[in-house]
Structures are given as C-alpha cells and as structure tokens.
C-alpha cells in the first residue's frame, strides 16, 4: 500500500471507523472532536495506570509509532515483554464484549491494537504474534492474535478510511441506534433527529444537551481590563477589584463599550475555541470566532446556497416560521382584548394575509416584501400589549433603529445585538460560513446567515422578554437610559439589566413541537443551526419547523 503521498491516518481513527463511519468522517475529515466525560475519564485512567506502574517500579512504556508503509501514526498505550516477546497493550475503562461467559475484545479495539502491532513490527523488525487489551471495568485482559485475518482487516479498514477521506459527502447515520447513545459526537451528528425525518413515528431519544454547559462572560464596566492568569480570565475593574473565571466554564466573552482585553487572554480564548465579541452601544461591532470548521462543510454550503431554488425553499421556511410564531404570540397576548375596536384585528388580518401570500412567493425578493408587511403590522400591535400603568416614556412610537429614538426601541436594539452574538457563535461552532446566507442581502458588515437565523428567535427570545419586563415595571426611565438628541441608548445600569434578562431567557426551556423534547433557548439556537446544515447534507425537513404555541 503506497501511503507516502497522503497524510497519515491516526490509529484512533480506525477505532472510530469500526465503531461508526459517520463518526470517522466527522472526526477525521471535518475535524470535529468533542471531549466528553468519557474521554476525560479515559485520559484519567491512563494517567493513573502510568503513575501506579512508576510507583511499583513497573515497565510501563508508551511509544509514538508511525508507518510509512501503512500510512498510520499513533501512540501505543503500553509495550511490554512477555517470554521474550514484545506485546502491545491497550487499556480500556469499559467492559469487554461477552460470548456467553467468555470475555472477548470489541472489534474496534481489536482493529486498533492490531494496527499498533503491525506498526511495531515495521519499526523493530520483530514479528508480533499477539496483542492484549485490558478492560478495567471487568478487570480482565483479553489476548488478541495478530494473525493474517487480523492484518487483512486492518488493511481493509485503512483502504475504507482513505475512500471516506476523499469523499465530500457524509456517510449515513448508523443503522444500530444503540451506538449513538455513547457517542461523544451525537450532539453534532443529531442521529435521532435524522431518524425522525426518515420515520415520522420515531420517538427520538434526546442525545442533544438540554442546556448550555458554558456561560457567557459580559464585561460592561468602562475601563474594565481582561487578562490571563493561568487557565483563567481575570477581569479587573477600577475601584472594584478583580474577579477570575475558569476558562473551562466560558462559552464566549462579550466586551461592551471600551473594555480592554490582552493578547494573552485572546490566545487563551482562541486555544479553547471561545469567541470574543465587541459591542458598542446597541450595535455588534466585531467578533473573534475561532474554530471555523473544515473546508468540506463550507463547500457544501457554497454549493447549496448557490442554487436559487434552494435559497427560496429555505427562505420560505424561515419566513413562515417567523411570521407564524409572531402571529401566535400576538393572538395569545391579546386574548381577552377587544381586538376589533382596538385595531388589533385589522393588523392580525394583515399578518394572516402576508403569511398566506408568502407561501406562494416565487422569488426571495417577493418573499421579503411579504415579510416586511407582516413585520410592520407586528410592531403596530406590540405597543398595545403594554399595560395601562406603563409610563408613557416606555411606550414605543413605532419601530425605530440605527439609532433607536425611544427607550423601548433601545431595549429591542440592544437585545438584538446580544442575539446576533449568540447566533454568530452557533454558526461558527457548526462550521458554516456566516457571510453566505439565503434571505438577507449583504448590505452592511453584518453577516447575512446570522441575520437569517436571528429571525427565528427575535420574538421568542427578546421581544416577549422586553414586553414582559416593561409590564413588570423593571425599567427606570431615567437611570437605565442615556438620552441625546435624536437617539436613546441604555446606560450602564440598563445594559446590566438587559444582559441579565437575556442570559436568563437563554436558559429557559421550551419543547420543540416536532422533535418532541425540551431544551433551552440557548441550545435551540445551536440546534436550528445544525438542522439548517442538514438541509443540504442529505437529511432535509426539520429546519424552520419550530413555532410558538
């Protein structure tokens, strides 16, 4: 096998290949790797074994191996001599496979340890007749013969791995759904969601996390300084002291106004694929979003969104979801109102007609027109949702932006800036190109794909939150806002309140009407982004089907 002209395969990738070809493709071709608790537990096990061997004066010897002939590279867990023969060992924290009462090695583990044996033969010139696998959960060691059959399986796996690496298409989801339960990439692959598309009666097991594991660090105070201290970020605020935040707990850093961040802190964030974003006033200014993803994902996106029919199909799904959800929210919020005399019914009827017309739009420009008409009526009803006791200063006078001309619109614009950052974070995490969208035109520095996806979440994440907070009397019309001729901004205290509300809203859970499980809005943003990618990755049908009740 001539592997000299191609990049070596990791031996671990053969283990993934034997487990699931989709897993291999995601890890090795698209370079998506997620270290979950099982991965960390495995690393801890190896450290404990090494420490115990050294303490006992043992013969633990791990070795970096590479084979030009096979085109493999990797690090064997342990090499030992038994009866004068060199034997490679693999340590697994799980249980062995069972044939009745007999402990056996799993096929993926056999493939991995035999690959190490063949590489060791090439390096040492010695014949390796046997390898061993230690299953610590059962406290058993399984002997694996490195015979001709095992060698042929390794070579066949290498050939298949190279075929997949040259392909631009992801392999299908494995037919064995039990494998998905223990897979660290289930939250990326979304196998259960794909099975819903193929079999609508399928009751999906939720493998996608319900809530965000990390939090967003917002730095609001003017003059605040973010620096690195080991594996933590240190925020120093003048006259207030210092606070530290472990990097492992952070998902993003958002700097408001003129807060400073050091190069060392940026490097730490980049190395952990943590986005850093800058907001000024109500506006998203820029963002550092590491981990842009492998080329294959973006090539598929370019190919799909270069097609006019595909863009129209996706844009219709987006607009129908946005307008219908907004309509349902307004109808629920005005239940018990005299809709006819208040002018509400007239605006709702315009939204209904726009929704029907949008479903028959023949191009994206026509669709934008219907969406714009529905949006105008939507914002005409919003002021009518405010209670009679709300101060007049907090009641909007229409929709104004860039800059907002009243306090209510200042709240909307600031929250939309936060939402933009959250959606951008999800788009980059999924590995899509934020500059290439299907509905919004690239008229400003804002990324069209981010603006597209934001439409699904403006109403449920922020519009509803702002209306509820104003009705609760949360805002101080003087202290929470900065007023200047022709525009209104949030003050420092106002921004802190808005950030707290926004982050709390992202943690609230909601049941997806199609997939059938509940998850936080923060996770919902990532889920919809991944479902969008599936529209051009062979499993369309789930994007844009979320609706407000």
Protein backbone atom coordinates (compact mmCIF):
# COMPACT_ATOMS: atom_id res chain seq x y z
CA UNK A 1 0.00 0.00 0.00
CA UNK A 2 1.55 3.28 -1.10
CA UNK A 3 0.58 5.84 1.53
CA UNK A 4 3.54 8.13 1.04
CA UNK A 5 1.62 10.71 -0.97
CA UNK A 6 -1.22 11.20 1.51
CA UNK A 7 -1.50 12.42 5.06
CA UNK A 8 -1.13 9.62 7.65
CA UNK A 9 -4.23 8.32 9.40
CA UNK A 10 -4.44 8.28 13.18
CA UNK A 11 -4.73 4.76 14.55
CA UNK A 12 -7.53 6.07 16.76
CA UNK A 13 -9.41 6.96 13.58
CA UNK A 14 -9.57 3.25 12.69
CA UNK A 15 -11.22 2.65 16.05
CA UNK A 16 -13.81 5.32 15.17
CA UNK A 17 -14.26 3.83 11.70
CA UNK A 18 -15.03 0.38 13.09
CA UNK A 19 -17.50 1.93 15.53
CA UNK A 20 -19.33 4.15 13.00
CA UNK A 21 -18.31 5.52 9.60
CA UNK A 22 -20.18 8.78 10.28
CA UNK A 23 -18.12 9.22 13.46
CA UNK A 24 -14.90 8.67 11.50
CA UNK A 25 -15.92 11.22 8.87
CA UNK A 26 -16.89 13.90 11.39
CA UNK A 27 -13.67 13.49 13.37
CA UNK A 28 -11.11 12.89 10.65
CA UNK A 29 -12.49 14.70 7.60
CA UNK A 30 -14.44 17.56 9.15
CA UNK A 31 -12.12 17.72 12.16
CA UNK A 32 -14.93 17.86 14.73
CA UNK A 33 -13.87 16.41 18.05
CA UNK A 34 -15.71 16.70 21.35
CA UNK A 35 -14.08 15.58 24.58
CA UNK A 36 -16.96 14.45 26.80
CA UNK A 37 -16.81 12.98 30.29
CA UNK A 38 -15.98 9.51 28.94
CA UNK A 39 -12.98 10.88 27.04
CA UNK A 40 -11.72 12.70 30.14
CA UNK A 41 -12.29 9.58 32.23
CA UNK A 42 -10.19 7.57 29.76
CA UNK A 43 -7.35 10.09 29.99
CA UNK A 44 -7.53 9.96 33.77
CA UNK A 45 -7.33 6.16 33.69
CA UNK A 46 -4.14 6.24 31.60
CA UNK A 47 -2.55 8.77 33.96
CA UNK A 48 -3.43 6.61 36.98
CA UNK A 49 -2.01 3.47 35.36
CA UNK A 50 1.23 5.21 34.44
CA UNK A 51 1.61 6.62 37.95
CA UNK A 52 0.94 3.21 39.53
CA UNK A 53 3.44 1.49 37.23
CA UNK A 54 6.14 4.02 38.08
CA UNK A 55 5.43 3.69 41.80
CA UNK A 56 5.67 -0.11 41.60
CA UNK A 57 8.84 0.02 39.51
CA UNK A 58 6.91 -1.43 36.58
CA UNK A 59 7.69 -1.47 32.90
CA UNK A 60 5.14 0.96 31.51
CA UNK A 61 6.38 2.11 28.14
CA UNK A 62 4.20 4.09 25.78
CA UNK A 63 5.62 4.82 22.35
CA UNK A 64 4.88 7.10 19.43
CA UNK A 65 4.69 4.96 16.31
CA UNK A 66 4.40 5.70 12.61
CA UNK A 67 4.33 3.58 9.49
CA UNK A 68 5.08 4.88 6.03
CA UNK A 69 4.00 1.54 4.56
CA UNK A 70 0.59 1.55 6.23
CA UNK A 71 0.19 5.32 6.33
CA UNK A 72 -0.58 5.30 10.06
CA UNK A 73 0.53 7.25 13.09
CA UNK A 74 -0.33 6.93 16.75
CA UNK A 75 0.76 6.32 20.31
CA UNK A 76 0.55 2.82 21.77
CA UNK A 77 -0.75 2.75 25.36
CA UNK A 78 1.84 0.28 26.62
CA UNK A 79 4.55 -2.05 25.34
CA UNK A 80 5.74 -4.98 27.45
CA UNK A 81 7.94 -8.04 27.05
CA UNK A 82 6.45 -11.40 27.91
CA UNK A 83 8.56 -14.57 27.49
CA UNK A 84 10.96 -12.57 25.36
CA UNK A 85 8.20 -11.36 23.03
CA UNK A 86 7.22 -7.69 22.61
CA UNK A 87 3.47 -7.23 23.18
CA UNK A 88 1.40 -4.04 22.65
CA UNK A 89 -1.32 -3.37 25.23
CA UNK A 90 -4.43 -1.19 25.07
CA UNK A 91 -6.18 -0.07 28.26
CA UNK A 92 -9.96 0.45 28.11
CA UNK A 93 -12.01 1.73 31.02
CA UNK A 94 -15.19 -0.04 29.85
CA UNK A 95 -16.34 -3.65 29.82
CA UNK A 96 -15.32 -6.43 27.47
CA UNK A 97 -17.70 -7.94 24.93
CA UNK A 98 -19.21 -11.25 26.06
CA UNK A 99 -19.61 -14.56 24.26
CA UNK A 100 -21.63 -16.33 26.89
CA UNK A 101 -19.45 -16.08 29.97
CA UNK A 102 -16.25 -15.62 27.99
CA UNK A 103 -14.73 -12.13 27.83
CA UNK A 104 -13.89 -11.04 24.28
CA UNK A 105 -12.47 -7.88 22.73
CA UNK A 106 -14.67 -5.47 20.81
CA UNK A 107 -13.97 -5.40 17.03
CA UNK A 108 -12.99 -1.72 17.11
CA UNK A 109 -10.49 -2.39 19.92
CA UNK A 110 -9.03 -5.38 18.03
CA UNK A 111 -8.53 -3.25 14.95
CA UNK A 112 -6.74 -0.57 16.97
CA UNK A 113 -4.34 -2.83 18.89
CA UNK A 114 -3.52 -4.93 15.80
CA UNK A 115 -2.67 -1.75 13.90
CA UNK A 116 -0.21 -0.86 16.66
CA UNK A 117 1.25 -4.38 16.44
CA UNK A 118 1.82 -4.06 12.67
CA UNK A 119 3.42 -0.64 13.12
CA UNK A 120 5.65 -2.01 15.86
CA UNK A 121 6.75 -4.83 13.54
CA UNK A 122 7.80 -2.32 10.89
CA UNK A 123 9.75 -0.26 13.42
CA UNK A 124 11.52 -3.09 15.27
CA UNK A 125 11.76 -5.79 12.62
CA UNK A 126 10.32 -8.29 15.10
CA UNK A 127 7.25 -10.42 14.42
CA UNK A 128 4.38 -9.55 16.76
CA UNK A 129 2.14 -12.58 17.18
CA UNK A 130 -0.11 -11.31 19.95
CA UNK A 131 -1.60 -8.11 21.41
CA UNK A 132 -3.61 -7.63 24.59
CA UNK A 133 -6.47 -5.43 25.72
CA UNK A 134 -7.16 -4.69 29.38
CA UNK A 135 -10.82 -3.94 30.25
CA UNK A 136 -10.71 -2.25 33.64
CA UNK A 137 -14.45 -2.30 34.36
CA UNK A 138 -14.31 -6.13 34.27
CA UNK A 139 -10.72 -6.40 35.49
CA UNK A 140 -9.91 -8.80 32.65
CA UNK A 141 -7.25 -8.94 29.94
CA UNK A 142 -8.17 -10.31 26.52
CA UNK A 143 -5.49 -11.82 24.28
CA UNK A 144 -5.76 -10.88 20.61
CA UNK A 145 -3.93 -12.96 17.96
CA UNK A 146 -2.23 -10.83 15.32
CA UNK A 147 -2.87 -13.35 12.57
CA UNK A 148 -3.40 -12.99 8.83
CA UNK A 149 -7.12 -12.37 9.23
CA UNK A 150 -6.48 -9.53 11.67
CA UNK A 151 -3.88 -7.98 9.35
CA UNK A 152 -6.27 -8.11 6.40
CA UNK A 153 -8.93 -6.36 8.45
CA UNK A 154 -6.51 -3.56 9.35
CA UNK A 155 -5.52 -3.08 5.70
CA UNK A 156 -9.17 -3.13 4.59
CA UNK A 157 -10.02 -0.51 7.23
CA UNK A 158 -7.19 1.72 6.02
CA UNK A 159 -8.47 1.47 2.43
CA UNK A 160 -12.01 2.35 3.51
CA UNK A 161 -10.77 5.24 5.64
CA UNK A 162 -8.94 6.71 2.65
CA UNK A 163 -12.03 6.37 0.46
CA UNK A 164 -14.10 8.27 3.01
CA UNK A 165 -11.45 10.92 3.42
CA UNK A 166 -11.58 11.65 -0.30
CA UNK A 167 -15.40 11.93 -0.30
CA UNK A 168 -17.28 15.22 0.02
CA UNK A 169 -20.40 13.51 1.41
CA UNK A 170 -21.01 12.36 4.96
CA UNK A 171 -21.81 8.66 5.40
CA UNK A 172 -25.36 7.91 6.58
CA UNK A 173 -26.29 7.55 10.23
CA UNK A 174 -25.53 4.07 11.55
CA UNK A 175 -28.38 1.55 11.45
CA UNK A 176 -27.51 0.50 15.02
CA UNK A 177 -29.09 3.30 17.05
CA UNK A 178 -27.62 1.87 20.29
CA UNK A 179 -24.16 3.02 19.20
CA UNK A 180 -25.33 6.64 19.20
CA UNK A 181 -26.14 6.65 22.91
CA UNK A 182 -22.48 6.52 23.94
CA UNK A 183 -21.07 8.62 21.08
CA UNK A 184 -19.40 11.90 22.02
CA UNK A 185 -20.43 13.45 18.68
CA UNK A 186 -24.15 12.68 18.95
CA UNK A 187 -24.84 16.37 19.62
CA UNK A 188 -23.15 17.22 16.32
CA UNK A 189 -24.37 14.29 14.24
CA UNK A 190 -28.01 14.51 15.50
CA UNK A 191 -28.78 10.88 14.55
CA UNK A 192 -32.09 10.72 16.39
CA UNK A 193 -33.32 13.84 14.61
CA UNK A 194 -32.39 12.32 11.25
CA UNK A 195 -34.36 9.20 12.14
CA UNK A 196 -37.41 11.39 12.75
CA UNK A 197 -37.13 12.63 9.15
CA UNK A 198 -36.92 9.07 7.80
CA UNK A 199 -39.58 7.69 10.16
CA UNK A 200 -42.02 10.37 11.45
CA UNK A 201 -43.37 7.87 14.00
CA UNK A 202 -39.89 7.51 15.53
CA UNK A 203 -39.77 8.64 19.15
CA UNK A 204 -36.32 10.26 19.44
CA UNK A 205 -34.11 9.74 22.45
CA UNK A 206 -32.64 13.12 23.34
CA UNK A 207 -28.89 12.99 22.81
CA UNK A 208 -28.60 16.74 22.24
CA UNK A 209 -27.81 18.57 25.52
CA UNK A 210 -30.80 20.36 27.04
CA UNK A 211 -28.86 23.36 28.35
CA UNK A 212 -25.60 25.17 27.70
CA UNK A 213 -22.64 23.81 29.64
CA UNK A 214 -20.74 27.10 29.46
CA UNK A 215 -21.73 30.67 30.29
CA UNK A 216 -21.13 33.96 28.50
CA UNK A 217 -18.93 36.49 30.29
CA UNK A 218 -20.17 40.05 29.69
CA UNK A 219 -17.73 42.84 30.58
CA UNK A 220 -19.76 46.04 30.89
CA UNK A 221 -17.89 48.40 33.19
CA UNK A 222 -15.97 51.21 31.39
CA UNK A 223 -12.24 50.80 31.90
CA UNK A 224 -12.51 47.10 32.75
CA UNK A 225 -9.44 45.06 31.81
CA UNK A 226 -9.43 41.35 30.89
CA UNK A 227 -6.14 39.45 31.23
CA UNK A 228 -4.90 35.89 31.54
CA UNK A 229 -3.94 34.18 34.77
CA UNK A 230 -3.02 30.56 34.09
CA UNK A 231 -6.15 28.83 32.75
CA UNK A 232 -8.45 31.59 33.95
CA UNK A 233 -9.52 35.00 32.71
CA UNK A 234 -9.04 37.80 35.22
CA UNK A 235 -11.34 40.83 34.99
CA UNK A 236 -10.01 43.92 36.73
CA UNK A 237 -12.47 46.77 37.27
CA UNK A 238 -11.23 50.18 38.52
CA UNK A 239 -12.17 50.76 42.17
CA UNK A 240 -13.95 47.39 42.32
CA UNK A 241 -11.10 44.86 42.35
CA UNK A 242 -10.57 41.60 40.47
CA UNK A 243 -12.59 38.50 39.64
CA UNK A 244 -11.39 35.32 37.93
CA UNK A 245 -13.31 32.96 35.65
CA UNK A 246 -12.09 29.42 34.76
CA UNK A 247 -11.73 29.13 31.00
CA UNK A 248 -13.47 25.73 31.08
CA UNK A 249 -16.71 27.38 32.23
CA UNK A 250 -16.84 30.01 29.49
CA UNK A 251 -18.52 29.73 26.12
CA UNK A 252 -18.00 33.32 24.97
CA UNK A 253 -16.66 36.69 26.11
CA UNK A 254 -18.56 39.87 25.22
CA UNK A 255 -16.87 43.25 25.70
CA UNK A 256 -19.22 46.23 25.90
CA UNK A 257 -18.04 49.75 25.15
CA UNK A 258 -14.32 50.29 25.71
CA UNK A 259 -13.35 47.36 27.91
CA UNK A 260 -9.83 46.07 27.17
CA UNK A 261 -8.50 42.54 26.66
CA UNK A 262 -4.86 41.45 26.44
CA UNK A 263 -3.24 39.43 23.66
CA UNK A 264 -2.51 36.65 26.13
CA UNK A 265 -6.20 36.45 27.07
CA UNK A 266 -7.16 36.35 23.40
CA UNK A 267 -4.73 33.49 22.80
CA UNK A 268 -6.25 31.56 25.72
CA UNK A 269 -9.75 32.06 24.33
CA UNK A 270 -8.66 31.07 20.82
CA UNK A 271 -6.94 27.90 22.04
CA UNK A 272 -10.20 26.83 23.73
CA UNK A 273 -12.36 27.94 20.77
CA UNK A 274 -14.08 30.61 22.84
CA UNK A 275 -15.46 33.53 20.85
CA UNK A 276 -14.66 37.11 21.85
CA UNK A 277 -17.12 39.77 20.71
CA UNK A 278 -17.22 43.56 20.89
CA UNK A 279 -20.46 45.55 21.26
CA UNK A 280 -20.72 49.32 21.20
CA UNK A 281 -23.94 50.88 22.41
CA UNK A 282 -26.70 48.94 20.70
CA UNK A 283 -24.51 47.60 17.89
CA UNK A 284 -22.43 44.48 17.32
CA UNK A 285 -19.01 45.73 16.19
CA UNK A 286 -16.78 42.71 15.63
CA UNK A 287 -16.03 39.20 16.80
CA UNK A 288 -13.18 36.75 17.12
CA UNK A 289 -14.70 33.34 16.50
CA UNK A 290 -12.12 30.54 16.37
CA UNK A 291 -12.81 27.06 15.06
CA UNK A 292 -14.24 27.96 11.66
CA UNK A 293 -14.61 24.33 10.66
CA UNK A 294 -13.28 22.11 7.92
CA UNK A 295 -13.42 23.02 4.26
CA UNK A 296 -15.95 20.31 3.39
CA UNK A 297 -18.73 21.90 5.44
CA UNK A 298 -18.29 25.28 3.78
CA UNK A 299 -18.00 23.79 0.30
CA UNK A 300 -21.34 22.02 0.78
CA UNK A 301 -22.84 25.30 1.98
CA UNK A 302 -21.49 27.21 -1.02
CA UNK A 303 -22.81 24.59 -3.41
CA UNK A 304 -26.28 24.50 -1.85
CA UNK A 305 -26.79 28.25 -1.42
CA UNK A 306 -25.54 29.00 -4.91
CA UNK A 307 -28.76 27.40 -6.14
CA UNK A 308 -31.66 29.86 -6.43
CA UNK A 309 -34.34 27.22 -5.80
CA UNK A 310 -32.61 26.04 -2.62
CA UNK A 311 -32.38 29.61 -1.32
CA UNK A 312 -36.10 30.16 -1.97
CA UNK A 313 -37.09 26.93 -0.21
CA UNK A 314 -35.04 27.82 2.88
CA UNK A 315 -36.20 31.45 2.86
CA UNK A 316 -39.83 30.33 2.77
CA UNK A 317 -39.29 28.01 5.74
CA UNK A 318 -37.64 30.87 7.62
CA UNK A 319 -40.30 33.49 6.89
CA UNK A 320 -43.21 31.15 7.53
CA UNK A 321 -41.72 30.18 10.89
CA UNK A 322 -41.03 33.78 11.91
CA UNK A 323 -44.37 35.26 10.82
CA UNK A 324 -46.48 32.38 12.15
CA UNK A 325 -44.72 32.43 15.52
CA UNK A 326 -45.16 36.20 15.77
CA UNK A 327 -48.85 35.87 14.90
CA UNK A 328 -49.40 33.21 17.54
CA UNK A 329 -47.66 35.33 20.15
CA UNK A 330 -49.83 38.35 19.39
CA UNK A 331 -53.03 36.29 19.40
CA UNK A 332 -52.13 34.74 22.75
CA UNK A 333 -51.07 38.07 24.26
CA UNK A 334 -54.30 39.81 23.15
CA UNK A 335 -56.64 37.08 24.31
CA UNK A 336 -59.50 38.84 26.08
CA UNK A 337 -58.81 42.17 24.32
CA UNK A 338 -61.42 43.95 22.23
CA UNK A 339 -59.44 43.33 19.08
CA UNK A 340 -61.94 44.90 16.69
CA UNK A 341 -62.21 48.28 18.41
CA UNK A 342 -58.53 48.47 19.27
CA UNK A 343 -57.41 47.97 15.68
CA UNK A 344 -55.65 44.76 16.64
CA UNK A 345 -57.79 42.50 14.46
CA UNK A 346 -57.01 44.62 11.40
CA UNK A 347 -53.27 44.19 11.92
CA UNK A 348 -53.63 40.48 12.67
CA UNK A 349 -55.57 40.04 9.45
CA UNK A 350 -52.77 41.74 7.50
CA UNK A 351 -50.28 39.31 9.05
CA UNK A 352 -52.50 36.34 8.11
CA UNK A 353 -52.74 37.53 4.51
CA UNK A 354 -49.00 38.11 4.36
CA UNK A 355 -48.40 34.62 5.72
CA UNK A 356 -50.61 33.08 3.02
CA UNK A 357 -49.01 35.19 0.28
CA UNK A 358 -45.52 34.28 1.48
CA UNK A 359 -46.24 30.59 0.98
CA UNK A 360 -46.82 31.29 -2.74
CA UNK A 361 -43.89 33.69 -3.29
CA UNK A 362 -42.00 32.95 -6.49
CA UNK A 363 -38.69 34.53 -5.51
CA UNK A 364 -36.85 35.78 -2.45
CA UNK A 365 -37.45 39.47 -3.27
CA UNK A 366 -41.22 38.91 -3.26
CA UNK A 367 -40.86 36.97 -0.01
CA UNK A 368 -39.02 39.89 1.60
CA UNK A 369 -41.92 42.14 0.68
CA UNK A 370 -44.49 39.94 2.40
CA UNK A 371 -42.25 39.56 5.45
CA UNK A 372 -41.84 43.34 5.64
CA UNK A 373 -45.61 43.93 5.55
CA UNK A 374 -46.16 41.35 8.30
CA UNK A 375 -43.37 42.91 10.38
CA UNK A 376 -44.91 46.38 10.14
CA UNK A 377 -48.24 45.09 11.47
CA UNK A 378 -46.48 43.05 14.15
CA UNK A 379 -44.76 46.13 15.57
CA UNK A 380 -48.00 48.10 15.29
CA UNK A 381 -49.59 45.69 17.78
CA UNK A 382 -46.64 45.48 20.20
CA UNK A 383 -47.39 48.84 21.98
CA UNK A 384 -50.95 47.64 22.60
CA UNK A 385 -49.59 44.74 24.67
CA UNK A 386 -48.28 47.13 27.33
CA UNK A 387 -50.35 47.62 30.47
CA UNK A 388 -52.17 50.86 31.16
CA UNK A 389 -49.90 51.64 34.08
CA UNK A 390 -46.72 51.62 31.97
CA UNK A 391 -45.15 55.14 31.91
CA UNK A 392 -45.58 56.92 28.61
CA UNK A 393 -41.79 57.20 28.31
CA UNK A 394 -41.57 53.42 27.98
CA UNK A 395 -44.21 53.11 25.25
CA UNK A 396 -42.72 52.89 21.72
CA UNK A 397 -43.69 55.32 18.99
CA UNK A 398 -43.37 52.85 16.12
CA UNK A 399 -40.24 50.87 15.29
CA UNK A 400 -37.03 52.89 15.06
CA UNK A 401 -33.48 51.62 14.66
CA UNK A 402 -30.00 52.89 13.84
CA UNK A 403 -30.38 54.81 16.09
CA UNK A 404 -33.39 53.96 18.28
CA UNK A 405 -35.44 57.03 19.11
CA UNK A 406 -37.21 55.83 22.29
CA UNK A 407 -36.50 53.65 25.27
CA UNK A 408 -38.47 50.62 24.15
CA UNK A 409 -36.66 50.54 20.81
CA UNK A 410 -33.34 50.99 22.61
CA UNK A 411 -34.12 47.80 24.53
CA UNK A 412 -35.03 45.97 21.34
CA UNK A 413 -31.87 47.05 19.54
CA UNK A 414 -29.56 46.20 22.43
CA UNK A 415 -31.08 42.75 22.81
CA UNK A 416 -30.84 42.11 19.09
CA UNK A 417 -27.12 42.87 19.34
CA UNK A 418 -26.79 40.22 22.05
CA UNK A 419 -28.83 37.79 19.96
CA UNK A 420 -26.59 38.45 16.95
CA UNK A 421 -23.55 37.46 19.03
CA UNK A 422 -25.27 34.28 20.26
CA UNK A 423 -26.30 33.22 16.76
CA UNK A 424 -22.86 34.03 15.31
CA UNK A 425 -21.32 31.82 18.00
CA UNK A 426 -23.58 28.93 16.94
CA UNK A 427 -22.92 29.41 13.22
CA UNK A 428 -19.16 29.30 13.75
CA UNK A 429 -19.43 26.32 16.12
CA UNK A 430 -21.33 24.37 13.47
CA UNK A 431 -18.64 25.28 10.93
CA UNK A 432 -20.73 27.32 8.49
CA UNK A 433 -19.71 30.46 6.64
CA UNK A 434 -21.65 33.34 8.28
CA UNK A 435 -21.22 35.60 5.25
CA UNK A 436 -23.23 33.30 2.95
CA UNK A 437 -26.96 33.40 3.71
CA UNK A 438 -30.17 32.78 1.80
CA UNK A 439 -32.62 35.54 2.81
CA UNK A 440 -30.87 38.77 3.83
CA UNK A 441 -28.86 40.77 1.33
CA UNK A 442 -25.25 41.66 2.29
CA UNK A 443 -25.90 45.38 2.77
CA UNK A 444 -23.71 46.01 5.81
CA UNK A 445 -20.91 44.45 7.86
CA UNK A 446 -23.46 42.13 9.50
CA UNK A 447 -23.24 38.52 8.31
CA UNK A 448 -26.32 37.55 6.22
CA UNK A 449 -26.55 33.96 7.53
CA UNK A 450 -26.53 35.23 11.12
CA UNK A 451 -29.28 37.74 10.30
CA UNK A 452 -31.24 34.92 8.65
CA UNK A 453 -31.16 32.65 11.69
CA UNK A 454 -31.86 35.53 14.05
CA UNK A 455 -35.35 35.83 12.55
CA UNK A 456 -36.40 32.60 14.24
CA UNK A 457 -35.50 33.94 17.68
CA UNK A 458 -36.25 37.67 17.76
CA UNK A 459 -39.79 37.23 19.05
CA UNK A 460 -39.44 34.26 21.47
CA UNK A 461 -36.06 35.23 22.91
CA UNK A 462 -36.22 39.01 23.14
CA UNK A 463 -39.49 40.69 22.04
CA UNK A 464 -41.53 38.71 24.56
CA UNK A 465 -38.91 39.31 27.23
CA UNK A 466 -38.91 43.08 26.70
CA UNK A 467 -42.72 43.36 26.74
CA UNK A 468 -42.94 41.31 29.95
CA UNK A 469 -40.17 43.31 31.66
CA UNK A 470 -41.76 46.66 30.78
CA UNK A 471 -45.12 45.45 32.07
CA UNK A 472 -43.43 44.41 35.33
CA UNK A 473 -42.03 47.89 35.78
CA UNK A 474 -38.45 46.67 35.70
CA UNK A 475 -37.04 49.75 33.94
CA UNK A 476 -36.24 53.17 35.35
CA UNK A 477 -36.91 55.61 32.52
CA UNK A 478 -34.16 57.97 33.76
CA UNK A 479 -31.48 55.82 35.36
CA UNK A 480 -31.46 52.97 32.82
CA UNK A 481 -31.22 55.10 29.67
CA UNK A 482 -28.98 57.77 28.17
CA UNK A 483 -30.88 60.35 26.16
CA UNK A 484 -29.33 62.56 23.50
CA UNK A 485 -30.86 64.48 20.58
CA UNK A 486 -32.31 62.03 18.06
CA UNK A 487 -31.33 58.84 19.85
CA UNK A 488 -31.65 56.79 23.04
CA UNK A 489 -29.12 54.32 24.46
CA UNK A 490 -29.05 52.10 27.51
CA UNK A 491 -26.93 53.34 30.39
CA UNK A 492 -24.51 51.06 32.23
CA UNK A 493 -27.19 50.02 34.72
CA UNK A 494 -29.64 49.46 31.87
CA UNK A 495 -27.18 47.28 29.97
CA UNK A 496 -26.56 45.15 33.06
CA UNK A 497 -30.30 44.60 33.49
CA UNK A 498 -30.75 43.75 29.81
CA UNK A 499 -27.83 41.31 29.81
CA UNK A 500 -29.19 39.55 32.89
CA UNK A 501 -32.64 39.26 31.27
CA UNK A 502 -31.17 37.99 28.01
CA UNK A 503 -28.99 35.34 29.66
CA UNK A 504 -31.88 34.20 31.87
CA UNK A 505 -34.08 33.88 28.80
CA UNK A 506 -31.49 31.73 27.05
CA UNK A 507 -31.63 29.32 30.00
CA UNK A 508 -35.42 28.97 29.89
CA UNK A 509 -36.60 25.72 28.29
CA UNK A 510 -39.11 25.15 25.54
CA UNK A 511 -40.47 21.96 23.97
CA UNK A 512 -39.76 21.60 20.26
CA UNK A 513 -43.10 20.82 18.56
CA UNK A 514 -41.63 18.38 16.01
CA UNK A 515 -38.66 16.74 17.71
CA UNK A 516 -40.64 16.44 20.91
CA UNK A 517 -38.07 17.17 23.61
CA UNK A 518 -37.40 20.27 25.69
CA UNK A 519 -34.23 22.32 25.60
CA UNK A 520 -33.11 25.83 26.48
CA UNK A 521 -33.32 28.68 24.00
CA UNK A 522 -29.55 28.88 24.10
CA UNK A 523 -29.34 25.27 22.92
CA UNK A 524 -32.23 25.81 20.50
CA UNK A 525 -30.13 28.35 18.58
CA UNK A 526 -27.40 25.76 18.04
CA UNK A 527 -29.92 23.02 17.21
CA UNK A 528 -31.63 25.07 14.49
CA UNK A 529 -28.24 25.94 13.01
CA UNK A 530 -27.32 22.26 12.84
CA UNK A 531 -30.74 21.40 11.36
CA UNK A 532 -30.15 24.08 8.72
CA UNK A 533 -26.91 22.38 7.70
CA UNK A 534 -28.77 19.09 7.34
CA UNK A 535 -30.94 20.72 4.66
CA UNK A 536 -28.03 20.31 2.24
CA UNK A 537 -26.37 17.29 3.86
CA UNK A 538 -28.89 14.69 2.81
CA UNK A 539 -31.48 14.96 5.60
CA UNK A 540 -33.76 17.94 4.93
CA UNK A 541 -37.11 18.52 6.58
CA UNK A 542 -36.60 19.72 10.17
CA UNK A 543 -35.21 23.25 9.80
CA UNK A 544 -37.64 26.09 10.45
CA UNK A 545 -40.42 23.95 11.88
CA UNK A 546 -40.29 25.43 15.38
CA UNK A 547 -43.39 27.51 16.17
CA UNK A 548 -44.60 29.48 19.15
CA UNK A 549 -47.69 27.96 20.71
